[in-house]
């Protein structure tokens, strides 16, 4: 009996060892690639393409590039398979990329144009120099005339600058709103109309039992403030004015509370470069949170955890080697 148990145990151990041997996967051999100096191939750097997807041999990849996140080392397979194939497979990146594009537009086009518009002070200083250059006016008289021109410029300047701010902000928010509807449609939304409330309710349906309304999100105020300002700019109504003043009073300058229905929102809303940059820099936080709750996305991982990220890193290196002068 004892001998039988011993043999059974021995057989069992052998079986386990055999299973281990069978399950062992041998990694790619890079000797031939190195010997033939095939630097222009993705697999030279540890990227293995199979069935249209890219797997990463991180041990090989690390010889040439930094690993974007150490969590990819915590796996039980030889190669790391990214969670997604493309950057756009993460919905949080839809909003991040949209905001990045608008930020680039702001600094490349809008800001340089706004900075080129003459300020009241510039008008005043230029006029003073011109008056004195003629030699006809005394300094006090030239200075007084220049001051008057600067004061007249003040109103026009504020209207021009605020109008440009409003134009940019309206286009930004309109694009965000359109992208929200595009995301809903991709998730099965069938209605022909669309409101912020419908957006909220539909996303709760996607989240299931643990659903939260937007108002319960940590970063909801970032989105709601921008949306409420935009709503006021669109409608110029007393109701939208009161809503903005109630929830975000710092966005209104109307100390005597004189705003009336139909007056331009630009006369009382605090729309400036600081606010616009705050929107461009922070609005993604609300959508990161939304996509985490609704789709299980990790916004930090979404910046690297897809096939195209690794392919681009390697391809950029190949381009430098193949076309060093480009």
C-alpha atoms as a PDB file:
ATOM      1  CA  UNK A   1       0.000   0.000   0.000  1.00  0.00           C
ATOM      2  CA  UNK A   2       2.809   2.408   0.977  1.00  0.00           C
ATOM      3  CA  UNK A   3       4.707   1.620  -2.261  1.00  0.00           C
ATOM      4  CA  UNK A   4       1.540   2.181  -4.290  1.00  0.00           C
ATOM      5  CA  UNK A   5       0.973   5.576  -2.689  1.00  0.00           C
ATOM      6  CA  UNK A   6       4.607   6.522  -3.316  1.00  0.00           C
ATOM      7  CA  UNK A   7       4.397   5.573  -7.005  1.00  0.00           C
ATOM      8  CA  UNK A   8       1.104   7.407  -7.354  1.00  0.00           C
ATOM      9  CA  UNK A   9       2.649  10.529  -5.832  1.00  0.00           C
ATOM     10  CA  UNK A  10       5.687  10.249  -8.051  1.00  0.00           C
ATOM     11  CA  UNK A  11       3.524   9.852 -11.139  1.00  0.00           C
ATOM     12  CA  UNK A  12       1.458  12.877 -10.108  1.00  0.00           C
ATOM     13  CA  UNK A  13       4.569  15.028  -9.719  1.00  0.00           C
ATOM     14  CA  UNK A  14       5.855  13.869 -13.070  1.00  0.00           C
ATOM     15  CA  UNK A  15       2.528  14.716 -14.617  1.00  0.00           C
ATOM     16  CA  UNK A  16       2.710  18.225 -13.169  1.00  0.00           C
ATOM     17  CA  UNK A  17       6.234  18.698 -14.467  1.00  0.00           C
ATOM     18  CA  UNK A  18       5.202  17.471 -17.904  1.00  0.00           C
ATOM     19  CA  UNK A  19       2.315  19.922 -17.913  1.00  0.00           C
ATOM     20  CA  UNK A  20       4.688  22.723 -17.002  1.00  0.00           C
ATOM     21  CA  UNK A  21       7.000  21.757 -19.836  1.00  0.00           C
ATOM     22  CA  UNK A  22       4.131  21.678 -22.312  1.00  0.00           C
ATOM     23  CA  UNK A  23       2.781  25.074 -21.179  1.00  0.00           C
ATOM     24  CA  UNK A  24       6.165  26.771 -21.402  1.00  0.00           C
ATOM     25  CA  UNK A  25       6.274  29.251 -24.286  1.00  0.00           C
ATOM     26  CA  UNK A  26       9.580  30.026 -25.902  1.00  0.00           C
ATOM     27  CA  UNK A  27      10.063  33.702 -26.729  1.00  0.00           C
ATOM     28  CA  UNK A  28      11.236  35.027 -30.052  1.00  0.00           C
ATOM     29  CA  UNK A  29      14.877  34.501 -30.988  1.00  0.00           C
ATOM     30  CA  UNK A  30      16.406  37.824 -32.042  1.00  0.00           C
ATOM     31  CA  UNK A  31      19.853  36.523 -33.062  1.00  0.00           C
ATOM     32  CA  UNK A  32      19.044  36.417 -36.770  1.00  0.00           C
ATOM     33  CA  UNK A  33      17.501  39.917 -36.742  1.00  0.00           C
ATOM     34  CA  UNK A  34      20.568  41.316 -34.997  1.00  0.00           C
ATOM     35  CA  UNK A  35      23.028  39.438 -37.220  1.00  0.00           C
ATOM     36  CA  UNK A  36      21.355  40.765 -40.371  1.00  0.00           C
ATOM     37  CA  UNK A  37      20.902  44.217 -38.789  1.00  0.00           C
ATOM     38  CA  UNK A  38      17.213  44.392 -39.628  1.00  0.00           C
ATOM     39  CA  UNK A  39      16.697  47.641 -37.768  1.00  0.00           C
ATOM     40  CA  UNK A  40      13.732  48.608 -39.950  1.00  0.00           C
ATOM     41  CA  UNK A  41      11.492  45.795 -38.710  1.00  0.00           C
ATOM     42  CA  UNK A  42       9.041  46.143 -35.842  1.00  0.00           C
ATOM     43  CA  UNK A  43       9.873  42.723 -34.451  1.00  0.00           C
ATOM     44  CA  UNK A  44      13.517  43.747 -34.095  1.00  0.00           C
ATOM     45  CA  UNK A  45      12.337  45.917 -31.192  1.00  0.00           C
ATOM     46  CA  UNK A  46      10.028  43.330 -29.671  1.00  0.00           C
ATOM     47  CA  UNK A  47       6.746  44.100 -31.426  1.00  0.00           C
ATOM     48  CA  UNK A  48       5.110  40.917 -32.666  1.00  0.00           C
ATOM     49  CA  UNK A  49       2.220  41.296 -35.111  1.00  0.00           C
ATOM     50  CA  UNK A  50      -0.342  38.495 -35.090  1.00  0.00           C
ATOM     51  CA  UNK A  51      -3.949  38.469 -36.316  1.00  0.00           C
ATOM     52  CA  UNK A  52      -3.892  42.219 -36.849  1.00  0.00           C
ATOM     53  CA  UNK A  53      -2.822  42.958 -33.269  1.00  0.00           C
ATOM     54  CA  UNK A  54       0.520  43.899 -31.759  1.00  0.00           C
ATOM     55  CA  UNK A  55       1.994  42.019 -28.835  1.00  0.00           C
ATOM     56  CA  UNK A  56       4.998  43.377 -26.985  1.00  0.00           C
ATOM     57  CA  UNK A  57       7.993  41.405 -25.821  1.00  0.00           C
ATOM     58  CA  UNK A  58       8.730  43.816 -23.007  1.00  0.00           C
ATOM     59  CA  UNK A  59      12.106  42.306 -22.221  1.00  0.00           C
ATOM     60  CA  UNK A  60      13.260  43.112 -25.769  1.00  0.00           C
ATOM     61  CA  UNK A  61      11.346  46.408 -25.978  1.00  0.00           C
ATOM     62  CA  UNK A  62      13.063  47.689 -22.813  1.00  0.00           C
ATOM     63  CA  UNK A  63      16.452  47.435 -24.479  1.00  0.00           C
ATOM     64  CA  UNK A  64      15.485  50.361 -26.717  1.00  0.00           C
ATOM     65  CA  UNK A  65      12.623  52.251 -25.049  1.00  0.00           C
ATOM     66  CA  UNK A  66      11.180  53.116 -21.686  1.00  0.00           C
ATOM     67  CA  UNK A  67       8.209  51.085 -20.540  1.00  0.00           C
ATOM     68  CA  UNK A  68       5.230  53.500 -20.293  1.00  0.00           C
ATOM     69  CA  UNK A  69       3.903  51.827 -17.147  1.00  0.00           C
ATOM     70  CA  UNK A  70       5.319  49.072 -14.962  1.00  0.00           C
ATOM     71  CA  UNK A  71       1.924  47.378 -14.673  1.00  0.00           C
ATOM     72  CA  UNK A  72       2.470  45.731 -18.051  1.00  0.00           C
ATOM     73  CA  UNK A  73       5.217  43.652 -16.435  1.00  0.00           C
ATOM     74  CA  UNK A  74       2.667  42.075 -14.091  1.00  0.00           C
ATOM     75  CA  UNK A  75       1.328  39.359 -16.371  1.00  0.00           C
ATOM     76  CA  UNK A  76       1.346  35.575 -16.746  1.00  0.00           C
ATOM     77  CA  UNK A  77       2.064  35.398 -20.468  1.00  0.00           C
ATOM     78  CA  UNK A  78       5.217  35.961 -22.500  1.00  0.00           C
ATOM     79  CA  UNK A  79       3.964  38.927 -24.515  1.00  0.00           C
ATOM     80  CA  UNK A  80       1.912  41.913 -23.419  1.00  0.00           C
ATOM     81  CA  UNK A  81      -1.262  42.521 -25.420  1.00  0.00           C
ATOM     82  CA  UNK A  82      -2.478  46.139 -25.093  1.00  0.00           C
ATOM     83  CA  UNK A  83      -6.039  46.569 -23.892  1.00  0.00           C
ATOM     84  CA  UNK A  84      -7.137  48.421 -27.030  1.00  0.00           C
ATOM     85  CA  UNK A  85      -5.953  48.602 -30.613  1.00  0.00           C
ATOM     86  CA  UNK A  86      -6.348  52.321 -31.338  1.00  0.00           C
ATOM     87  CA  UNK A  87      -6.242  55.509 -29.280  1.00  0.00           C
ATOM     88  CA  UNK A  88      -9.790  56.322 -30.344  1.00  0.00           C
ATOM     89  CA  UNK A  89     -11.033  53.028 -28.896  1.00  0.00           C
ATOM     90  CA  UNK A  90     -11.010  54.877 -25.578  1.00  0.00           C
ATOM     91  CA  UNK A  91     -13.914  57.315 -25.489  1.00  0.00           C
ATOM     92  CA  UNK A  92     -12.170  59.505 -22.922  1.00  0.00           C
ATOM     93  CA  UNK A  93      -9.562  60.212 -25.606  1.00  0.00           C
ATOM     94  CA  UNK A  94     -12.262  61.622 -27.879  1.00  0.00           C
ATOM     95  CA  UNK A  95     -12.675  64.509 -25.482  1.00  0.00           C
ATOM     96  CA  UNK A  96      -9.014  64.817 -24.554  1.00  0.00           C
ATOM     97  CA  UNK A  97      -8.002  65.078 -28.205  1.00  0.00           C
ATOM     98  CA  UNK A  98     -10.776  67.559 -28.987  1.00  0.00           C
ATOM     99  CA  UNK A  99      -9.670  69.839 -26.155  1.00  0.00           C
ATOM    100  CA  UNK A 100      -6.006  69.493 -27.146  1.00  0.00           C
ATOM    101  CA  UNK A 101      -6.898  70.535 -30.681  1.00  0.00           C
ATOM    102  CA  UNK A 102      -8.768  73.598 -29.469  1.00  0.00           C
ATOM    103  CA  UNK A 103      -5.943  74.544 -27.173  1.00  0.00           C
ATOM    104  CA  UNK A 104      -3.551  74.431 -30.104  1.00  0.00           C
ATOM    105  CA  UNK A 105      -6.003  76.546 -32.134  1.00  0.00           C
ATOM    106  CA  UNK A 106      -6.202  79.082 -29.316  1.00  0.00           C
ATOM    107  CA  UNK A 107      -2.462  79.648 -29.072  1.00  0.00           C
ATOM    108  CA  UNK A 108      -1.691  79.396 -32.784  1.00  0.00           C
ATOM    109  CA  UNK A 109      -4.511  81.548 -34.102  1.00  0.00           C
ATOM    110  CA  UNK A 110      -6.792  83.298 -31.627  1.00  0.00           C
ATOM    111  CA  UNK A 111      -4.276  84.499 -29.060  1.00  0.00           C
ATOM    112  CA  UNK A 112      -1.861  85.905 -31.631  1.00  0.00           C
ATOM    113  CA  UNK A 113      -4.732  87.689 -33.378  1.00  0.00           C
ATOM    114  CA  UNK A 114      -6.119  89.088 -30.116  1.00  0.00           C
ATOM    115  CA  UNK A 115      -2.666  90.278 -29.082  1.00  0.00           C
ATOM    116  CA  UNK A 116      -2.358  92.133 -32.382  1.00  0.00           C
ATOM    117  CA  UNK A 117      -5.441  94.265 -31.665  1.00  0.00           C
ATOM    118  CA  UNK A 118      -4.424  97.685 -30.399  1.00  0.00           C
ATOM    119  CA  UNK A 119      -5.290  98.296 -26.754  1.00  0.00           C
ATOM    120  CA  UNK A 120      -6.606 101.659 -25.474  1.00  0.00           C
ATOM    121  CA  UNK A 121      -3.184 102.318 -23.951  1.00  0.00           C
ATOM    122  CA  UNK A 122      -1.454 101.708 -27.285  1.00  0.00           C
ATOM    123  CA  UNK A 123      -3.877 104.042 -29.060  1.00  0.00           C
ATOM    124  CA  UNK A 124      -3.253 106.709 -26.417  1.00  0.00           C
ATOM    125  CA  UNK A 125       0.536 106.388 -26.546  1.00  0.00           C
ATOM    126  CA  UNK A 126       0.660 106.380 -30.347  1.00  0.00           C
ATOM    127  CA  UNK A 127      -1.578 109.441 -30.546  1.00  0.00           C
ATOM    128  CA  UNK A 128       0.545 111.322 -28.003  1.00  0.00           C
ATOM    129  CA  UNK A 129       3.710 110.651 -29.993  1.00  0.00           C
ATOM    130  CA  UNK A 130       2.051 111.753 -33.240  1.00  0.00           C
ATOM    131  CA  UNK A 131       0.657 114.968 -31.742  1.00  0.00           C
ATOM    132  CA  UNK A 132       4.000 115.918 -30.242  1.00  0.00           C
ATOM    133  CA  UNK A 133       5.845 115.030 -33.461  1.00  0.00           C
ATOM    134  CA  UNK A 134       3.892 117.672 -35.380  1.00  0.00           C
ATOM    135  CA  UNK A 135       5.188 120.374 -33.073  1.00  0.00           C
ATOM    136  CA  UNK A 136       1.840 122.174 -33.209  1.00  0.00           C
ATOM    137  CA  UNK A 137       0.489 121.183 -29.776  1.00  0.00           C
ATOM    138  CA  UNK A 138       1.977 121.752 -26.330  1.00  0.00           C
ATOM    139  CA  UNK A 139       2.576 118.657 -24.232  1.00  0.00           C
ATOM    140  CA  UNK A 140      -0.473 119.159 -21.959  1.00  0.00           C
ATOM    141  CA  UNK A 141      -2.792 119.625 -24.922  1.00  0.00           C
ATOM    142  CA  UNK A 142      -1.317 116.656 -26.809  1.00  0.00           C
ATOM    143  CA  UNK A 143      -1.601 114.531 -23.690  1.00  0.00           C
ATOM    144  CA  UNK A 144      -5.249 115.500 -23.128  1.00  0.00           C
ATOM    145  CA  UNK A 145      -6.200 114.670 -26.720  1.00  0.00           C
ATOM    146  CA  UNK A 146      -4.375 111.321 -26.511  1.00  0.00           C
ATOM    147  CA  UNK A 147      -6.182 110.474 -23.269  1.00  0.00           C
ATOM    148  CA  UNK A 148      -9.528 111.144 -24.923  1.00  0.00           C
ATOM    149  CA  UNK A 149      -8.715 108.827 -27.823  1.00  0.00           C
ATOM    150  CA  UNK A 150      -7.669 106.118 -25.367  1.00  0.00           C
ATOM    151  CA  UNK A 151     -10.950 106.480 -23.448  1.00  0.00           C
ATOM    152  CA  UNK A 152     -12.990 106.251 -26.656  1.00  0.00           C
ATOM    153  CA  UNK A 153     -11.095 103.119 -27.617  1.00  0.00           C
ATOM    154  CA  UNK A 154     -11.917 101.438 -24.293  1.00  0.00           C
ATOM    155  CA  UNK A 155     -15.510 100.511 -25.166  1.00  0.00           C
ATOM    156  CA  UNK A 156     -14.743  99.307 -28.690  1.00  0.00           C
ATOM    157  CA  UNK A 157     -11.771  97.297 -27.475  1.00  0.00           C
ATOM    158  CA  UNK A 158     -13.796  95.468 -24.821  1.00  0.00           C
ATOM    159  CA  UNK A 159     -16.521  94.611 -27.339  1.00  0.00           C
ATOM    160  CA  UNK A 160     -14.004  93.281 -29.884  1.00  0.00           C
ATOM    161  CA  UNK A 161     -12.061  91.192 -27.376  1.00  0.00           C
ATOM    162  CA  UNK A 162     -15.133  89.761 -25.657  1.00  0.00           C
ATOM    163  CA  UNK A 163     -16.689  88.935 -29.012  1.00  0.00           C
ATOM    164  CA  UNK A 164     -13.608  86.945 -29.995  1.00  0.00           C
ATOM    165  CA  UNK A 165     -13.609  85.152 -26.651  1.00  0.00           C
ATOM    166  CA  UNK A 166     -17.297  84.356 -27.091  1.00  0.00           C
ATOM    167  CA  UNK A 167     -16.794  83.127 -30.650  1.00  0.00           C
ATOM    168  CA  UNK A 168     -14.049  80.727 -29.604  1.00  0.00           C
ATOM    169  CA  UNK A 169     -15.890  79.536 -26.499  1.00  0.00           C
ATOM    170  CA  UNK A 170     -19.120  78.967 -28.379  1.00  0.00           C
ATOM    171  CA  UNK A 171     -17.360  76.862 -30.997  1.00  0.00           C
ATOM    172  CA  UNK A 172     -15.567  74.877 -28.288  1.00  0.00           C
ATOM    173  CA  UNK A 173     -18.739  74.087 -26.367  1.00  0.00           C
ATOM    174  CA  UNK A 174     -20.695  73.350 -29.532  1.00  0.00           C
ATOM    175  CA  UNK A 175     -18.033  70.819 -30.550  1.00  0.00           C
ATOM    176  CA  UNK A 176     -18.084  69.215 -27.094  1.00  0.00           C
ATOM    177  CA  UNK A 177     -21.870  68.992 -27.171  1.00  0.00           C
ATOM    178  CA  UNK A 178     -21.764  67.378 -30.621  1.00  0.00           C
ATOM    179  CA  UNK A 179     -19.172  64.870 -29.421  1.00  0.00           C
ATOM    180  CA  UNK A 180     -21.355  63.962 -26.436  1.00  0.00           C
ATOM    181  CA  UNK A 181     -24.212  63.174 -28.816  1.00  0.00           C
ATOM    182  CA  UNK A 182     -21.869  61.213 -31.076  1.00  0.00           C
ATOM    183  CA  UNK A 183     -20.801  59.134 -28.075  1.00  0.00           C
ATOM    184  CA  UNK A 184     -24.424  58.507 -27.081  1.00  0.00           C
ATOM    185  CA  UNK A 185     -25.277  57.457 -30.636  1.00  0.00           C
ATOM    186  CA  UNK A 186     -22.342  55.033 -30.637  1.00  0.00           C
ATOM    187  CA  UNK A 187     -23.820  53.563 -27.452  1.00  0.00           C
ATOM    188  CA  UNK A 188     -27.246  53.027 -29.042  1.00  0.00           C
ATOM    189  CA  UNK A 189     -29.034  56.335 -28.453  1.00  0.00           C
ATOM    190  CA  UNK A 190     -31.903  56.630 -30.962  1.00  0.00           C
ATOM    191  CA  UNK A 191     -33.707  59.874 -30.107  1.00  0.00           C
ATOM    192  CA  UNK A 192     -33.718  62.697 -32.643  1.00  0.00           C
ATOM    193  CA  UNK A 193     -33.431  65.451 -30.042  1.00  0.00           C
ATOM    194  CA  UNK A 194     -30.796  65.816 -27.355  1.00  0.00           C
ATOM    195  CA  UNK A 195     -30.466  67.728 -24.091  1.00  0.00           C
ATOM    196  CA  UNK A 196     -28.048  67.724 -21.215  1.00  0.00           C
ATOM    197  CA  UNK A 197     -30.682  66.002 -19.079  1.00  0.00           C
ATOM    198  CA  UNK A 198     -31.129  63.232 -21.663  1.00  0.00           C
ATOM    199  CA  UNK A 199     -27.347  62.857 -21.766  1.00  0.00           C
ATOM    200  CA  UNK A 200     -27.256  62.363 -18.003  1.00  0.00           C
ATOM    201  CA  UNK A 201     -30.139  59.878 -17.899  1.00  0.00           C
ATOM    202  CA  UNK A 202     -28.835  57.766 -20.790  1.00  0.00           C
ATOM    203  CA  UNK A 203     -25.371  57.481 -19.265  1.00  0.00           C
ATOM    204  CA  UNK A 204     -26.931  56.352 -15.987  1.00  0.00           C
ATOM    205  CA  UNK A 205     -28.637  53.564 -17.933  1.00  0.00           C
ATOM    206  CA  UNK A 206     -25.285  52.424 -19.292  1.00  0.00           C
ATOM    207  CA  UNK A 207     -23.787  52.364 -15.794  1.00  0.00           C
ATOM    208  CA  UNK A 208     -26.430  49.995 -14.454  1.00  0.00           C
ATOM    209  CA  UNK A 209     -27.044  49.356 -10.761  1.00  0.00           C
ATOM    210  CA  UNK A 210     -24.233  51.596  -9.518  1.00  0.00           C
ATOM    211  CA  UNK A 211     -25.292  54.556 -11.652  1.00  0.00           C
ATOM    212  CA  UNK A 212     -24.736  58.099 -10.455  1.00  0.00           C
ATOM    213  CA  UNK A 213     -26.239  61.291 -11.818  1.00  0.00           C
ATOM    214  CA  UNK A 214     -23.841  63.904 -13.150  1.00  0.00           C
ATOM    215  CA  UNK A 215     -24.414  66.063 -10.077  1.00  0.00           C
ATOM    216  CA  UNK A 216     -22.821  63.333  -7.958  1.00  0.00           C
ATOM    217  CA  UNK A 217     -19.600  63.365  -9.975  1.00  0.00           C
ATOM    218  CA  UNK A 218     -16.542  64.930  -8.365  1.00  0.00           C
ATOM    219  CA  UNK A 219     -15.714  66.888 -11.522  1.00  0.00           C
ATOM    220  CA  UNK A 220     -19.237  67.813 -12.583  1.00  0.00           C
ATOM    221  CA  UNK A 221     -18.878  71.511 -11.600  1.00  0.00           C
ATOM    222  CA  UNK A 222     -16.123  71.895 -14.237  1.00  0.00           C
ATOM    223  CA  UNK A 223     -18.505  70.825 -16.991  1.00  0.00           C
ATOM    224  CA  UNK A 224     -21.604  72.445 -15.549  1.00  0.00           C
ATOM    225  CA  UNK A 225     -19.967  75.856 -15.163  1.00  0.00           C
ATOM    226  CA  UNK A 226     -18.857  75.892 -18.790  1.00  0.00           C
ATOM    227  CA  UNK A 227     -22.251  74.622 -19.972  1.00  0.00           C
ATOM    228  CA  UNK A 228     -24.158  77.195 -17.889  1.00  0.00           C
ATOM    229  CA  UNK A 229     -22.026  80.062 -19.236  1.00  0.00           C
ATOM    230  CA  UNK A 230     -22.565  78.770 -22.768  1.00  0.00           C
ATOM    231  CA  UNK A 231     -26.316  78.488 -22.198  1.00  0.00           C
ATOM    232  CA  UNK A 232     -26.458  82.126 -21.080  1.00  0.00           C
ATOM    233  CA  UNK A 233     -24.432  83.288 -24.074  1.00  0.00           C
ATOM    234  CA  UNK A 234     -26.779  81.418 -26.434  1.00  0.00           C
ATOM    235  CA  UNK A 235     -30.102  82.531 -24.982  1.00  0.00           C
ATOM    236  CA  UNK A 236     -29.461  85.954 -23.399  1.00  0.00           C
ATOM    237  CA  UNK A 237     -32.441  85.236 -21.172  1.00  0.00           C
ATOM    238  CA  UNK A 238     -33.219  86.235 -17.623  1.00  0.00           C
ATOM    239  CA  UNK A 239     -33.697  82.600 -16.682  1.00  0.00           C
ATOM    240  CA  UNK A 240     -30.234  81.572 -17.946  1.00  0.00           C
ATOM    241  CA  UNK A 241     -28.772  84.662 -16.262  1.00  0.00           C
ATOM    242  CA  UNK A 242     -30.326  83.725 -12.906  1.00  0.00           C
ATOM    243  CA  UNK A 243     -29.140  80.141 -13.241  1.00  0.00           C
ATOM    244  CA  UNK A 244     -25.558  81.254 -13.833  1.00  0.00           C
ATOM    245  CA  UNK A 245     -25.688  83.781 -11.020  1.00  0.00           C
ATOM    246  CA  UNK A 246     -27.146  81.224  -8.616  1.00  0.00           C
ATOM    247  CA  UNK A 247     -24.633  78.438  -9.242  1.00  0.00           C
ATOM    248  CA  UNK A 248     -21.555  80.333 -10.413  1.00  0.00           C
ATOM    249  CA  UNK A 249     -21.872  83.934  -9.173  1.00  0.00           C
ATOM    250  CA  UNK A 250     -18.200  84.682  -9.836  1.00  0.00           C
ATOM    251  CA  UNK A 251     -18.926  84.411 -13.564  1.00  0.00           C
ATOM    252  CA  UNK A 252     -21.262  87.427 -13.442  1.00  0.00           C
ATOM    253  CA  UNK A 253     -20.431  91.111 -13.007  1.00  0.00           C
ATOM    254  CA  UNK A 254     -23.727  92.878 -12.361  1.00  0.00           C
ATOM    255  CA  UNK A 255     -23.483  94.393  -8.861  1.00  0.00           C
ATOM    256  CA  UNK A 256     -26.804  96.226  -9.153  1.00  0.00           C
ATOM    257  CA  UNK A 257     -28.603  93.208 -10.604  1.00  0.00           C
ATOM    258  CA  UNK A 258     -29.922  95.223 -13.550  1.00  0.00           C
ATOM    259  CA  UNK A 259     -29.740  92.596 -16.282  1.00  0.00           C
ATOM    260  CA  UNK A 260     -32.942  92.355 -18.330  1.00  0.00           C
ATOM    261  CA  UNK A 261     -34.323  89.765 -20.739  1.00  0.00           C
ATOM    262  CA  UNK A 262     -32.793  90.058 -24.186  1.00  0.00           C
ATOM    263  CA  UNK A 263     -29.744  92.111 -23.237  1.00  0.00           C
ATOM    264  CA  UNK A 264     -26.441  90.766 -24.510  1.00  0.00           C
ATOM    265  CA  UNK A 265     -24.938  88.277 -22.082  1.00  0.00           C
ATOM    266  CA  UNK A 266     -21.526  89.680 -22.989  1.00  0.00           C
ATOM    267  CA  UNK A 267     -22.307  92.841 -21.015  1.00  0.00           C
ATOM    268  CA  UNK A 268     -22.341  90.981 -17.691  1.00  0.00           C
ATOM    269  CA  UNK A 269     -20.632  87.595 -18.090  1.00  0.00           C
ATOM    270  CA  UNK A 270     -16.969  87.329 -17.120  1.00  0.00           C
ATOM    271  CA  UNK A 271     -15.554  85.755 -20.225  1.00  0.00           C
ATOM    272  CA  UNK A 272     -11.771  86.076 -20.444  1.00  0.00           C
ATOM    273  CA  UNK A 273      -8.635  84.183 -21.388  1.00  0.00           C
ATOM    274  CA  UNK A 274      -8.203  82.795 -17.875  1.00  0.00           C
ATOM    275  CA  UNK A 275     -11.631  81.152 -18.001  1.00  0.00           C
ATOM    276  CA  UNK A 276     -11.100  79.780 -21.507  1.00  0.00           C
ATOM    277  CA  UNK A 277      -7.740  78.235 -20.575  1.00  0.00           C
ATOM    278  CA  UNK A 278      -9.275  76.749 -17.424  1.00  0.00           C
ATOM    279  CA  UNK A 279     -11.881  75.038 -19.627  1.00  0.00           C
ATOM    280  CA  UNK A 280      -9.274  73.772 -22.083  1.00  0.00           C
ATOM    281  CA  UNK A 281      -7.062  72.454 -19.289  1.00  0.00           C
ATOM    282  CA  UNK A 282      -9.679  70.932 -16.998  1.00  0.00           C
ATOM    283  CA  UNK A 283     -12.860  69.914 -18.820  1.00  0.00           C
ATOM    284  CA  UNK A 284     -11.337  66.529 -19.665  1.00  0.00           C
ATOM    285  CA  UNK A 285     -11.509  65.606 -15.969  1.00  0.00           C
ATOM    286  CA  UNK A 286     -15.302  65.389 -16.107  1.00  0.00           C
ATOM    287  CA  UNK A 287     -15.226  63.213 -19.213  1.00  0.00           C
ATOM    288  CA  UNK A 288     -12.450  61.048 -17.751  1.00  0.00           C
ATOM    289  CA  UNK A 289     -14.712  60.403 -14.777  1.00  0.00           C
ATOM    290  CA  UNK A 290     -17.732  59.805 -16.998  1.00  0.00           C
ATOM    291  CA  UNK A 291     -15.883  57.256 -19.128  1.00  0.00           C
ATOM    292  CA  UNK A 292     -14.448  55.535 -16.066  1.00  0.00           C
ATOM    293  CA  UNK A 293     -17.913  55.073 -14.586  1.00  0.00           C
ATOM    294  CA  UNK A 294     -19.655  54.186 -17.846  1.00  0.00           C
ATOM    295  CA  UNK A 295     -17.028  52.178 -19.743  1.00  0.00           C
ATOM    296  CA  UNK A 296     -14.473  51.175 -17.117  1.00  0.00           C
ATOM    297  CA  UNK A 297     -11.766  53.264 -18.776  1.00  0.00           C
ATOM    298  CA  UNK A 298      -8.631  54.406 -16.999  1.00  0.00           C
ATOM    299  CA  UNK A 299      -7.727  57.784 -18.531  1.00  0.00           C
ATOM    300  CA  UNK A 300      -4.055  57.476 -17.595  1.00  0.00           C
ATOM    301  CA  UNK A 301      -3.740  54.044 -19.177  1.00  0.00           C
ATOM    302  CA  UNK A 302      -5.651  55.281 -22.208  1.00  0.00           C
ATOM    303  CA  UNK A 303      -2.678  57.468 -23.118  1.00  0.00           C
ATOM    304  CA  UNK A 304      -0.495  54.430 -23.862  1.00  0.00           C
ATOM    305  CA  UNK A 305      -2.358  51.119 -23.543  1.00  0.00           C
ATOM    306  CA  UNK A 306      -3.160  50.532 -27.207  1.00  0.00           C
ATOM    307  CA  UNK A 307      -1.345  48.937 -30.164  1.00  0.00           C
ATOM    308  CA  UNK A 308      -0.793  52.140 -32.120  1.00  0.00           C
ATOM    309  CA  UNK A 309       1.101  53.749 -29.240  1.00  0.00           C
ATOM    310  CA  UNK A 310       3.852  51.135 -29.274  1.00  0.00           C
ATOM    311  CA  UNK A 311       3.933  50.974 -33.052  1.00  0.00           C
ATOM    312  CA  UNK A 312       4.415  54.747 -33.286  1.00  0.00           C
ATOM    313  CA  UNK A 313       7.235  54.724 -30.728  1.00  0.00           C
ATOM    314  CA  UNK A 314       9.075  52.056 -32.694  1.00  0.00           C
ATOM    315  CA  UNK A 315       8.256  53.502 -36.108  1.00  0.00           C
ATOM    316  CA  UNK A 316       9.610  56.904 -35.063  1.00  0.00           C
ATOM    317  CA  UNK A 317      12.869  55.234 -34.107  1.00  0.00           C
ATOM    318  CA  UNK A 318      12.989  53.355 -37.413  1.00  0.00           C
ATOM    319  CA  UNK A 319      12.409  56.598 -39.308  1.00  0.00           C
ATOM    320  CA  UNK A 320      15.346  58.221 -37.537  1.00  0.00           C
ATOM    321  CA  UNK A 321      17.604  55.339 -38.546  1.00  0.00           C
ATOM    322  CA  UNK A 322      16.347  55.003 -42.119  1.00  0.00           C
ATOM    323  CA  UNK A 323      15.936  58.738 -42.805  1.00  0.00           C
ATOM    324  CA  UNK A 324      18.326  60.509 -40.417  1.00  0.00           C
ATOM    325  CA  UNK A 325      18.181  63.822 -42.304  1.00  0.00           C
ATOM    326  CA  UNK A 326      14.370  64.151 -42.355  1.00  0.00           C
END
